[in-house]
Amino acid sequence: MSKLKLSNLGKLYRVYPTPRDRLYELLSGRKRHQEHWALTNVNLEVAKGEAVGVIGNNGAGKSTLLKLVTGTIIPSTGQVEYSGRLTAILELGTGFHPDFSGTENLFYSGVLMGVPREEVAARYDQIVAFSELGDAISQPLKTYSTGMVVRLAFSLVTMVDPDILIIDEALAVGDRNFQKKCIDRMMEIQQSGTTILFCSHSMHHITQFCERAIWLDDGVVKSIGSVSDVVDHYIAENSIEAKAMGESIENSVNTKSDLHCRVTKLMIKPSGHIRRGKLLTICIDFTVLKSDNYVLGIAVDRKETSSRLLAETSLENGVTSVYLKPGDYSVNMALKTESFRSGVYTLYAGLLHDSLMKIEDLKELDMEILDSDNIKSPSMIRADINWDVEGKLFRKSI
């Protein structure tokens, strides 16, 4: 049974060259506007306890979709149907008053979401403890940093037992430790049955957190399906554009000031043709520009199809993030190649936030794996299997 259902959902905006043209059209009845469909014909059903990722480039219609679901804006076509309590974090500060204290905003925003004051009061200590705001909870919201506002909003919307939770990219604003805490909390409430729509530019968290994904492109649904399929297609289509953007960043002096670190060199040993089974050593040189906690990460794509074969971070492999001060560093990683088939692969290696929400910087290179000429298979990977060649494989059952 669907917990959330979107049927033929669309949003049309009228765009006027100037305010005067709007007034002229109102008085004369003559059209002076252009029509812009921010979203058209979206159909989606989400089951109880399911997490669906919303992906797409900037301007694709993601935020418009989430605003339609939450009722912040009214659809031009179609309808939104859901059952239960719906909470959301959309644009930063939505539902809060800048002159109210954090405490007052909890009750104020709770009422806007349909949560009784008594329920907010009963969970007040729990909400404040999760937010980690301390004495700042008594200060006016206008004195808060953007990260503090996110703490307050997320603590409220996830601590009132929502049946449906909508999260926009606002989580990217908070500090990294709290981002990880938010992801853990989202997983916890999903396991308890909460339905989640999660919009993010982090493909890592989309694939790790969601079962399905919807890809929007220029207001149109480009794909809906399993998260791995949709994300793979999204990455493949944007690979050329991403590479061009990466080159632009490399040459941008202004962008350098926003980076926390920069990968200066990526090389592999052995280089050139690599025989399957050989241990591959990945060498990274990088410069830390700002003191922070860092995590190493690598990914490998099949170059021909842009299919993602693996994506791993040091954090996921049991190595804690490392606090590094500005300076030049070098690190080596070892990758086993037993599972690779013959072919050309693209290797990505770099550094991430310790929250895994953002890639700080990376480099890529192509490598070729060579396997036995006798191996012919359409599969993407190889596996070493014990076939019990001594005969036990074919023993009769009793």
Protein backbone atom coordinates (compact mmCIF):
# COMPACT_ATOMS: atom_id res chain seq x y z
CA MET A 1 0.00 0.00 0.00
CA SER A 2 1.33 3.43 -0.97
CA LYS A 3 2.08 5.90 1.80
CA LEU A 4 2.66 8.70 -0.72
CA LYS A 5 1.21 8.95 -4.22
CA LEU A 6 1.88 11.61 -6.87
CA SER A 7 -0.41 11.60 -9.89
CA ASN A 8 0.32 13.65 -13.03
CA LEU A 9 1.92 16.31 -10.85
CA GLY A 10 2.98 19.52 -12.57
CA LYS A 11 3.75 23.17 -11.83
CA LEU A 12 3.39 26.05 -14.29
CA TYR A 13 4.80 29.52 -13.69
CA ARG A 14 3.91 32.65 -15.62
CA VAL A 15 7.00 34.73 -16.33
CA TYR A 16 6.53 38.45 -17.00
CA PRO A 17 9.26 40.65 -18.50
CA THR A 18 8.45 43.43 -15.99
CA PRO A 19 5.89 44.10 -13.24
CA ARG A 20 4.26 46.57 -15.61
CA ASP A 21 3.47 43.74 -18.03
CA ARG A 22 1.71 41.84 -15.26
CA LEU A 23 -0.48 44.86 -14.53
CA TYR A 24 -1.15 45.45 -18.24
CA GLU A 25 -2.29 41.85 -18.70
CA LEU A 26 -4.56 42.09 -15.65
CA LEU A 27 -6.25 45.26 -16.90
CA SER A 28 -6.38 44.53 -20.63
CA GLY A 29 -6.80 40.77 -20.68
CA ARG A 30 -4.04 40.52 -23.29
CA LYS A 31 -1.31 37.97 -22.73
CA ARG A 32 2.02 39.48 -21.78
CA HIS A 33 3.67 36.48 -20.11
CA GLN A 34 5.59 33.40 -21.09
CA GLU A 35 4.78 30.00 -19.63
CA HIS A 36 7.45 27.98 -17.86
CA TRP A 37 6.74 24.43 -16.71
CA ALA A 38 9.02 23.85 -13.73
CA LEU A 39 7.65 20.31 -13.42
CA THR A 40 5.46 18.17 -15.68
CA ASN A 41 3.67 14.85 -15.42
CA VAL A 42 5.34 13.32 -12.35
CA ASN A 43 3.86 9.99 -11.26
CA LEU A 44 5.33 8.26 -8.22
CA GLU A 45 4.19 5.90 -5.48
CA VAL A 46 6.24 5.40 -2.32
CA ALA A 47 5.50 2.59 0.13
CA LYS A 48 5.66 2.72 3.92
CA GLY A 49 9.24 2.57 5.17
CA GLU A 50 10.69 3.14 1.69
CA ALA A 51 13.39 5.74 0.99
CA VAL A 52 13.40 7.31 -2.48
CA GLY A 53 16.22 9.55 -3.65
CA VAL A 54 15.54 12.63 -5.78
CA ILE A 55 18.46 13.46 -8.09
CA GLY A 56 19.19 15.80 -10.97
CA ASN A 57 21.25 18.84 -11.87
CA ASN A 58 20.54 22.31 -10.52
CA GLY A 59 17.29 23.66 -11.97
CA ALA A 60 15.96 20.18 -12.75
CA GLY A 61 12.84 20.65 -10.60
CA LYS A 62 13.84 18.77 -7.44
CA SER A 63 12.97 21.52 -4.96
CA THR A 64 9.75 22.25 -6.84
CA LEU A 65 8.74 18.61 -6.47
CA LEU A 66 9.40 18.61 -2.73
CA LYS A 67 7.50 21.88 -2.25
CA LEU A 68 4.51 20.41 -4.08
CA VAL A 69 4.60 17.31 -1.90
CA THR A 70 4.71 19.35 1.32
CA GLY A 71 1.97 21.76 0.15
CA THR A 72 4.25 24.80 0.20
CA ILE A 73 3.12 25.56 -3.35
CA ILE A 74 -0.05 24.48 -5.18
CA PRO A 75 0.20 22.15 -8.20
CA SER A 76 -0.99 23.35 -11.60
CA THR A 77 -1.89 19.80 -12.61
CA GLY A 78 -2.34 16.53 -10.77
CA GLN A 79 -2.52 15.82 -7.07
CA VAL A 80 -0.58 14.66 -4.03
CA GLU A 81 -2.07 11.98 -1.78
CA TYR A 82 -0.57 10.79 1.50
CA SER A 83 -1.61 9.51 4.89
CA GLY A 84 -0.16 10.32 8.30
CA ARG A 85 2.06 13.11 9.61
CA LEU A 86 4.41 14.76 7.09
CA THR A 87 7.42 16.81 8.18
CA ALA A 88 10.07 18.44 6.03
CA ILE A 89 13.25 20.50 5.80
CA LEU A 90 13.18 22.54 2.63
CA GLU A 91 14.66 26.01 2.26
CA LEU A 92 16.77 27.06 5.22
CA GLY A 93 14.66 28.73 7.90
CA THR A 94 11.27 27.82 6.43
CA GLY A 95 8.70 27.71 9.23
CA PHE A 96 10.86 29.69 11.66
CA HIS A 97 10.59 33.33 12.79
CA PRO A 98 13.92 35.21 13.05
CA ASP A 99 12.87 37.18 16.15
CA PHE A 100 11.72 34.13 18.12
CA SER A 101 14.10 32.13 20.27
CA GLY A 102 14.97 28.55 19.41
CA THR A 103 12.50 27.34 22.04
CA GLU A 104 9.70 29.55 20.75
CA ASN A 105 10.41 28.44 17.19
CA LEU A 106 10.07 24.78 18.15
CA PHE A 107 6.49 25.39 19.30
CA TYR A 108 5.75 27.86 16.49
CA SER A 109 7.00 25.56 13.74
CA GLY A 110 5.39 22.56 15.42
CA VAL A 111 1.98 24.21 15.18
CA LEU A 112 2.57 24.96 11.48
CA MET A 113 3.29 21.25 10.95
CA GLY A 114 0.18 20.22 12.85
CA VAL A 115 2.05 18.97 15.92
CA PRO A 116 0.22 19.84 19.18
CA ARG A 117 2.08 22.04 21.67
CA GLU A 118 1.68 19.31 24.29
CA GLU A 119 3.58 16.84 22.08
CA VAL A 120 6.43 19.30 21.42
CA ALA A 121 6.59 20.03 25.16
CA ALA A 122 6.76 16.31 25.98
CA ARG A 123 9.68 15.84 23.58
CA TYR A 124 11.36 19.18 24.21
CA ASP A 125 14.34 17.85 26.16
CA GLN A 126 14.93 15.13 23.56
CA ILE A 127 14.79 17.63 20.69
CA VAL A 128 17.19 20.09 22.34
CA ALA A 129 19.62 17.32 23.30
CA PHE A 130 19.77 16.05 19.73
CA SER A 131 20.32 19.57 18.36
CA GLU A 132 23.30 20.12 20.69
CA LEU A 133 22.45 23.84 20.80
CA GLY A 134 22.82 24.12 24.57
CA ASP A 135 22.16 27.60 25.97
CA ALA A 136 21.75 28.98 22.43
CA ILE A 137 18.25 27.49 22.38
CA SER A 138 17.14 30.58 24.36
CA GLN A 139 18.64 33.06 21.87
CA PRO A 140 16.79 34.64 18.89
CA LEU A 141 17.02 32.69 15.66
CA LYS A 142 18.53 35.70 13.86
CA THR A 143 21.68 35.20 15.94
CA TYR A 144 22.07 31.59 14.73
CA SER A 145 24.50 30.42 12.07
CA THR A 146 23.06 28.48 9.14
CA GLY A 147 24.37 25.25 10.68
CA MET A 148 22.54 25.98 13.95
CA VAL A 149 19.29 26.57 12.08
CA VAL A 150 19.69 23.18 10.39
CA ARG A 151 20.29 21.55 13.78
CA LEU A 152 17.09 23.04 15.16
CA ALA A 153 15.00 22.14 12.11
CA PHE A 154 16.26 18.58 11.76
CA SER A 155 15.88 17.83 15.46
CA LEU A 156 12.25 18.93 15.38
CA VAL A 157 11.10 17.20 12.19
CA THR A 158 12.68 13.85 13.08
CA MET A 159 11.76 13.73 16.79
CA VAL A 160 7.98 14.04 16.37
CA ASP A 161 7.55 10.56 14.82
CA PRO A 162 6.80 11.56 11.20
CA ASP A 163 5.09 9.08 8.91
CA ILE A 164 6.65 10.86 5.92
CA LEU A 165 9.90 12.83 6.02
CA ILE A 166 11.03 15.18 3.24
CA ILE A 167 14.69 16.27 3.25
CA ASP A 168 16.11 18.75 0.75
CA GLU A 169 19.80 19.55 0.24
CA ALA A 170 19.71 21.72 3.39
CA LEU A 171 21.68 19.04 5.28
CA ALA A 172 24.79 20.00 3.33
CA VAL A 173 24.94 23.23 5.36
CA GLY A 174 25.58 21.66 8.76
CA ASP A 175 28.94 20.67 10.20
CA ARG A 176 30.20 17.21 9.29
CA ASN A 177 29.74 15.45 12.60
CA PHE A 178 26.13 16.57 12.75
CA GLN A 179 25.57 15.55 9.11
CA LYS A 180 26.60 12.01 9.99
CA LYS A 181 24.36 12.13 13.04
CA CYS A 182 21.46 13.19 10.79
CA ILE A 183 22.07 10.32 8.36
CA ASP A 184 22.10 7.84 11.27
CA ARG A 185 18.84 9.30 12.58
CA MET A 186 17.21 9.04 9.14
CA MET A 187 18.18 5.38 8.92
CA GLU A 188 16.77 4.80 12.39
CA ILE A 189 13.36 6.28 11.68
CA GLN A 190 13.18 4.60 8.27
CA GLN A 191 13.62 1.24 9.97
CA SER A 192 10.70 2.13 12.22
CA GLY A 193 8.47 2.63 9.16
CA THR A 194 8.91 6.28 8.12
CA THR A 195 8.66 6.98 4.40
CA ILE A 196 11.43 9.29 3.17
CA LEU A 197 12.02 11.49 0.12
CA PHE A 198 15.70 12.45 0.16
CA CYS A 199 17.05 15.05 -2.27
CA SER A 200 20.84 15.27 -2.50
CA HIS A 201 23.74 15.85 -4.87
CA SER A 202 25.71 13.19 -2.98
CA MET A 203 25.36 10.04 -5.06
CA HIS A 204 27.17 8.13 -2.33
CA HIS A 205 24.41 8.77 0.21
CA ILE A 206 21.65 8.33 -2.33
CA THR A 207 22.89 4.85 -3.22
CA GLN A 208 23.66 3.89 0.40
CA PHE A 209 20.41 5.20 1.89
CA CYS A 210 17.70 4.76 -0.78
CA GLU A 211 16.13 1.72 -2.45
CA ARG A 212 14.81 3.65 -5.45
CA ALA A 213 15.55 6.97 -7.12
CA ILE A 214 13.77 9.44 -9.38
CA TRP A 215 15.88 11.45 -11.81
CA LEU A 216 14.54 14.83 -12.90
CA ASP A 217 15.88 16.72 -15.89
CA ASP A 218 14.51 20.13 -16.89
CA GLY A 219 11.25 19.47 -15.05
CA VAL A 220 10.67 16.06 -16.63
CA VAL A 221 11.10 12.60 -15.12
CA LYS A 222 14.05 11.08 -16.93
CA SER A 223 14.09 7.81 -15.01
CA ILE A 224 12.51 6.03 -12.04
CA GLY A 225 13.79 2.69 -10.81
CA SER A 226 16.30 0.93 -8.61
CA VAL A 227 18.78 3.36 -7.14
CA SER A 228 21.81 1.65 -8.69
CA ASP A 229 20.37 1.75 -12.22
CA VAL A 230 19.17 5.35 -12.04
CA VAL A 231 22.37 6.67 -10.47
CA ASP A 232 24.55 4.77 -12.97
CA HIS A 233 22.64 6.29 -15.89
CA TYR A 234 22.76 9.74 -14.30
CA ILE A 235 26.53 9.54 -13.78
CA ALA A 236 27.12 8.18 -17.27
CA GLU A 237 25.14 10.96 -18.97
CA ASN A 238 26.83 13.66 -16.94
CA SER A 239 30.38 12.27 -17.17
CA ILE A 240 31.43 14.44 -20.11
CA GLU A 241 29.95 17.57 -18.56
CA ALA A 242 31.49 16.70 -15.18
CA LYS A 243 34.92 16.28 -16.76
CA ALA A 244 34.66 19.67 -18.45
CA MET A 245 33.54 21.20 -15.18
CA GLY A 246 36.47 19.61 -13.39
CA GLU A 247 38.90 21.15 -15.88
CA SER A 248 37.21 24.49 -15.33
CA ILE A 249 37.68 24.16 -11.58
CA GLU A 250 41.33 23.26 -12.07
CA ASN A 251 41.84 26.56 -13.89
CA SER A 252 39.70 28.70 -11.62
CA VAL A 253 41.62 30.86 -9.17
CA ASN A 254 38.47 31.85 -7.29
CA THR A 255 37.41 28.26 -6.74
CA LYS A 256 40.76 27.33 -5.19
CA SER A 257 39.99 29.49 -2.17
CA ASP A 258 36.85 27.40 -1.48
CA LEU A 259 38.69 24.08 -1.50
CA HIS A 260 39.88 22.44 1.69
CA CYS A 261 42.43 20.33 -0.16
CA ARG A 262 43.72 19.60 -3.66
CA VAL A 263 44.86 16.30 -5.14
CA THR A 264 48.07 17.13 -7.02
CA LYS A 265 49.07 13.70 -8.37
CA LEU A 266 47.58 10.26 -8.95
CA MET A 267 49.59 7.29 -10.18
CA ILE A 268 49.42 3.49 -10.06
CA LYS A 269 51.99 0.71 -9.80
CA PRO A 270 52.39 -1.26 -11.98
CA SER A 271 51.51 1.24 -14.68
CA GLY A 272 50.36 0.43 -18.20
CA HIS A 273 48.88 -3.05 -18.65
CA ILE A 274 48.00 -4.77 -15.38
CA ARG A 275 47.73 -8.55 -15.20
CA ARG A 276 44.66 -9.74 -13.30
CA GLY A 277 45.60 -10.93 -9.84
CA LYS A 278 48.44 -8.45 -9.40
CA LEU A 279 48.21 -6.16 -6.39
CA LEU A 280 47.59 -2.61 -7.61
CA THR A 281 49.22 0.18 -5.60
CA ILE A 282 47.46 3.55 -5.84
CA CYS A 283 49.62 6.57 -4.97
CA ILE A 284 48.08 9.95 -4.17
CA ASP A 285 49.86 13.24 -3.52
CA PHE A 286 47.70 16.02 -2.12
CA THR A 287 47.92 19.44 -0.51
CA VAL A 288 45.79 20.37 2.50
CA LEU A 289 44.70 24.01 2.33
CA LYS A 290 42.50 24.11 5.45
CA SER A 291 42.83 22.11 8.66
CA ASP A 292 40.07 19.53 8.86
CA ASN A 293 39.18 15.83 9.15
CA TYR A 294 39.66 13.90 5.90
CA VAL A 295 38.68 10.51 4.50
CA LEU A 296 40.27 8.75 1.52
CA GLY A 297 38.09 7.32 -1.23
CA ILE A 298 38.40 5.40 -4.48
CA ALA A 299 35.95 4.33 -7.18
CA VAL A 300 36.32 2.27 -10.34
CA ASP A 301 34.09 2.48 -13.43
CA ARG A 302 34.04 0.28 -16.51
CA LYS A 303 35.13 2.88 -19.08
CA GLU A 304 33.08 1.48 -21.97
CA THR A 305 29.75 1.65 -20.13
CA SER A 306 30.51 4.04 -17.22
CA SER A 307 29.14 1.32 -14.92
CA ARG A 308 30.27 1.70 -11.32
CA LEU A 309 32.07 -1.45 -10.14
CA LEU A 310 33.14 -0.27 -6.72
CA ALA A 311 33.18 2.77 -4.47
CA GLU A 312 34.94 2.56 -1.14
CA THR A 313 36.19 4.96 1.52
CA SER A 314 38.72 4.47 4.28
CA LEU A 315 35.95 5.23 6.80
CA GLU A 316 33.82 2.36 5.52
CA ASN A 317 36.84 0.07 5.73
CA GLY A 318 37.31 0.74 9.43
CA VAL A 319 39.88 3.55 9.25
CA THR A 320 38.80 6.65 11.17
CA SER A 321 39.04 10.09 9.59
CA VAL A 322 42.36 11.89 10.02
CA TYR A 323 42.80 15.48 11.15
CA LEU A 324 45.35 17.16 8.88
CA LYS A 325 46.90 20.61 9.04
CA PRO A 326 47.89 22.60 5.91
CA GLY A 327 50.80 21.03 4.06
CA ASP A 328 51.80 18.46 1.45
CA TYR A 329 50.99 14.79 2.00
CA SER A 330 51.33 11.46 0.22
CA VAL A 331 49.49 8.17 0.76
CA ASN A 332 49.41 4.73 -0.85
CA MET A 333 46.48 2.31 -1.12
CA ALA A 334 46.48 -1.32 -2.26
CA LEU A 335 43.70 -2.75 -4.45
CA LYS A 336 43.29 -6.43 -5.27
CA THR A 337 42.49 -7.09 -8.95
CA GLU A 338 41.26 -10.71 -8.78
CA SER A 339 37.65 -9.70 -9.44
CA PHE A 340 38.37 -7.64 -12.59
CA ARG A 341 37.83 -8.92 -16.12
CA SER A 342 39.84 -7.82 -19.13
CA GLY A 343 39.08 -4.26 -20.12
CA VAL A 344 39.77 -0.58 -19.62
CA TYR A 345 38.68 0.99 -16.35
CA THR A 346 38.58 4.52 -14.98
CA LEU A 347 40.04 4.90 -11.50
CA TYR A 348 38.97 7.83 -9.30
CA ALA A 349 40.86 8.62 -6.10
CA GLY A 350 40.69 11.56 -3.74
CA LEU A 351 39.60 12.93 -0.40
CA LEU A 352 36.14 13.44 1.11
CA HIS A 353 34.52 15.16 4.06
CA ASP A 354 34.50 12.81 7.02
CA SER A 355 30.67 12.96 6.79
CA LEU A 356 31.00 11.48 3.26
CA MET A 357 28.55 14.17 2.09
CA LYS A 358 31.01 15.90 -0.23
CA ILE A 359 34.06 15.04 -2.32
CA GLU A 360 36.76 17.59 -1.54
CA ASP A 361 38.92 16.87 -4.60
CA LEU A 362 39.86 13.93 -6.81
CA LYS A 363 41.79 12.88 -9.88
CA GLU A 364 41.12 10.13 -12.38
CA LEU A 365 43.13 7.94 -14.74
CA ASP A 366 42.47 5.03 -17.07
CA MET A 367 43.98 1.60 -16.52
CA GLU A 368 43.80 -1.66 -18.47
CA ILE A 369 43.39 -5.07 -16.85
CA LEU A 370 44.56 -8.12 -18.80
CA ASP A 371 43.11 -11.57 -18.19
CA SER A 372 43.52 -14.99 -19.83
CA ASP A 373 42.57 -15.06 -23.50
CA ASN A 374 40.52 -18.18 -22.73
CA ILE A 375 38.13 -16.27 -20.48
CA LYS A 376 35.03 -15.17 -22.40
CA SER A 377 32.09 -13.97 -20.34
CA PRO A 378 29.57 -11.11 -20.43
CA SER A 379 29.75 -10.61 -16.66
CA MET A 380 31.34 -7.49 -15.20
CA ILE A 381 33.45 -9.16 -12.51
CA ARG A 382 35.22 -12.43 -11.82
CA ALA A 383 35.09 -14.46 -8.63
CA ASP A 384 37.31 -17.24 -7.36
CA ILE A 385 34.97 -20.15 -6.50
CA ASN A 386 35.81 -23.50 -4.98
CA TRP A 387 34.17 -25.94 -7.39
CA ASP A 388 35.04 -29.03 -5.29
CA VAL A 389 36.88 -30.67 -8.18
CA GLU A 390 37.69 -33.75 -6.11
CA GLY A 391 34.24 -35.11 -6.81
CA LYS A 392 32.24 -34.13 -3.77
CA LEU A 393 30.35 -31.65 -5.90
CA PHE A 394 28.52 -34.46 -7.67
CA ARG A 395 27.85 -36.77 -4.73
CA LYS A 396 24.37 -38.29 -4.53
CA SER A 397 21.97 -36.94 -1.97
CA ILE A 398 20.76 -39.38 0.66
